[in-house]
Structure formats: structure tokens, C-alpha cells
Amino acid sequence: MEINYKTVASATIPVKGVNISLNAEYENNNLPGFVTFHCEGNYVEQGSQKSIYLNFGGAYDCVNHVFQSISGGVMSSDFLPGLEDTIMDFYNTIKGA
């Protein structure tokens, strides 16, 4: 029987009032291909006074820089660039470890 050991990296990072939970699972000596995320919290869109409650999750392909999936409740496209930057910072921290 062969046992495969994996490393799990996780972090919760608040961005503009929204908690972003990030997770990546990978085998030793390899980088994760994608990072899963869940976003939840109140977000105020740029140029607006209105607060939106965001609650969605998905997976981001860090190699090709694309969202593999996004699902859940309310989401703001205005929030996605900051989410992508946060995911890539998390990924680059794993790369540097």
C-alpha cells in the first residue's frame, strides 16, 4: 500500500470588510495548481454608499490566472480584482516557502 502525504495551506484574510478563506492542498515538492476560496462579509462597492453582503466561493487556477469556478450567493464583479490579488499573494507565499 502506498500512502500519499499532502501539505495543506490555509489562511483567512480580511479584504475591505469581507473575510476571504483560502486553502491549497499539494504534495511535497510540488506547488498547488489551484487555490479554493470562500468570501463572506459586507462590501461597499467603489463609488457607492450601499453595502452588499457577499457570500460565494470557488477555485482559482494560479498557473493560468483564471477562475475555474465561482458559485454561491451574491457576488460583486468590482470585488474580483482584489480577490485575485489576494489569492496570488497567498500562492506566492506558498511558492516562497
Protein backbone atom coordinates (compact mmCIF):
# COMPACT_ATOMS: atom_id res chain seq x y z
CA MET A 1 0.00 0.00 0.00
CA GLU A 2 1.30 3.43 -0.94
CA ILE A 3 0.44 6.35 1.29
CA ASN A 4 0.50 9.84 -0.22
CA TYR A 5 1.16 12.67 2.17
CA LYS A 6 -0.08 16.14 1.32
CA THR A 7 0.52 19.60 2.68
CA VAL A 8 -2.45 21.84 3.38
CA ALA A 9 -2.02 25.61 3.49
CA SER A 10 -4.85 27.84 4.69
CA ALA A 11 -5.42 31.45 5.66
CA THR A 12 -8.27 33.84 6.38
CA ILE A 13 -7.61 37.37 5.18
CA PRO A 14 -9.99 40.32 5.61
CA VAL A 15 -10.23 42.50 2.49
CA LYS A 16 -12.50 45.59 2.50
CA GLY A 17 -14.78 44.12 5.18
CA VAL A 18 -15.02 40.67 3.57
CA ASN A 19 -13.34 37.61 5.08
CA ILE A 20 -11.57 35.56 2.41
CA SER A 21 -10.76 31.99 3.44
CA LEU A 22 -8.09 30.42 1.23
CA ASN A 23 -7.00 26.77 1.03
CA ALA A 24 -4.50 24.86 -1.07
CA GLU A 25 -3.58 21.19 -0.91
CA TYR A 26 -0.46 19.84 -2.58
CA GLU A 27 2.07 17.06 -2.43
CA ASN A 28 5.55 17.72 -1.07
CA ASN A 29 7.96 19.34 -3.55
CA ASN A 30 5.05 20.39 -5.80
CA LEU A 31 3.11 23.61 -5.92
CA PRO A 32 -0.68 23.61 -5.78
CA GLY A 33 -2.32 24.07 -9.17
CA PHE A 34 -5.28 25.91 -7.73
CA VAL A 35 -6.49 27.64 -4.58
CA THR A 36 -10.04 27.28 -3.25
CA PHE A 37 -11.68 30.29 -1.65
CA HIS A 38 -14.78 31.37 0.24
CA CYS A 39 -15.76 35.03 0.66
CA GLU A 40 -18.25 36.27 3.24
CA GLY A 41 -18.93 39.73 4.58
CA ASN A 42 -20.26 43.22 3.86
CA TYR A 43 -18.64 45.02 0.94
CA VAL A 44 -19.16 48.61 -0.22
CA GLU A 45 -18.70 48.92 -3.98
CA GLN A 46 -16.48 51.74 -5.25
CA GLY A 47 -18.42 54.93 -5.87
CA SER A 48 -21.40 53.72 -3.84
CA GLN A 49 -22.66 54.12 -0.30
CA LYS A 50 -24.57 50.83 -0.46
CA SER A 51 -23.24 47.80 1.39
CA ILE A 52 -23.64 44.38 -0.23
CA TYR A 53 -23.43 41.12 1.71
CA LEU A 54 -21.11 38.82 -0.29
CA ASN A 55 -21.24 35.05 0.16
CA PHE A 56 -19.61 32.96 -2.57
CA GLY A 57 -16.77 30.54 -3.14
CA GLY A 58 -14.87 28.74 -5.84
CA ALA A 59 -11.48 27.77 -7.19
CA TYR A 60 -8.75 29.82 -8.86
CA ASP A 61 -6.13 28.41 -11.23
CA CYS A 62 -2.92 30.14 -10.13
CA VAL A 63 -0.85 28.86 -13.07
CA ASN A 64 -3.18 30.15 -15.83
CA HIS A 65 -4.63 33.05 -13.79
CA VAL A 66 -8.30 32.17 -14.30
CA PHE A 67 -11.23 31.45 -12.03
CA GLN A 68 -12.04 27.74 -12.50
CA SER A 69 -15.37 28.08 -10.75
CA ILE A 70 -17.43 30.58 -8.79
CA SER A 71 -20.65 29.63 -7.05
CA GLY A 72 -22.91 30.67 -4.22
CA GLY A 73 -24.89 33.74 -3.39
CA VAL A 74 -24.36 37.41 -4.12
CA MET A 75 -21.08 38.45 -5.75
CA SER A 76 -19.75 41.80 -6.97
CA SER A 77 -17.56 41.91 -10.07
CA ASP A 78 -15.96 45.01 -8.54
CA PHE A 79 -14.56 42.74 -5.79
CA LEU A 80 -12.92 40.16 -8.11
CA PRO A 81 -9.65 42.03 -8.90
CA GLY A 82 -8.88 42.39 -5.16
CA LEU A 83 -9.79 38.74 -4.62
CA GLU A 84 -7.46 37.67 -7.42
CA ASP A 85 -4.60 39.75 -5.96
CA THR A 86 -5.17 38.22 -2.51
CA ILE A 87 -5.17 34.69 -3.94
CA MET A 88 -1.95 35.30 -5.87
CA ASP A 89 -0.25 36.76 -2.76
CA PHE A 90 -1.23 33.59 -0.88
CA TYR A 91 0.06 31.40 -3.74
CA ASN A 92 3.34 33.33 -3.98
CA THR A 93 3.85 32.92 -0.22
CA ILE A 94 3.49 29.15 -0.68
CA LYS A 95 5.95 29.29 -3.60
CA GLY A 96 8.49 31.11 -1.46
CA ALA A 97 8.20 28.70 1.49
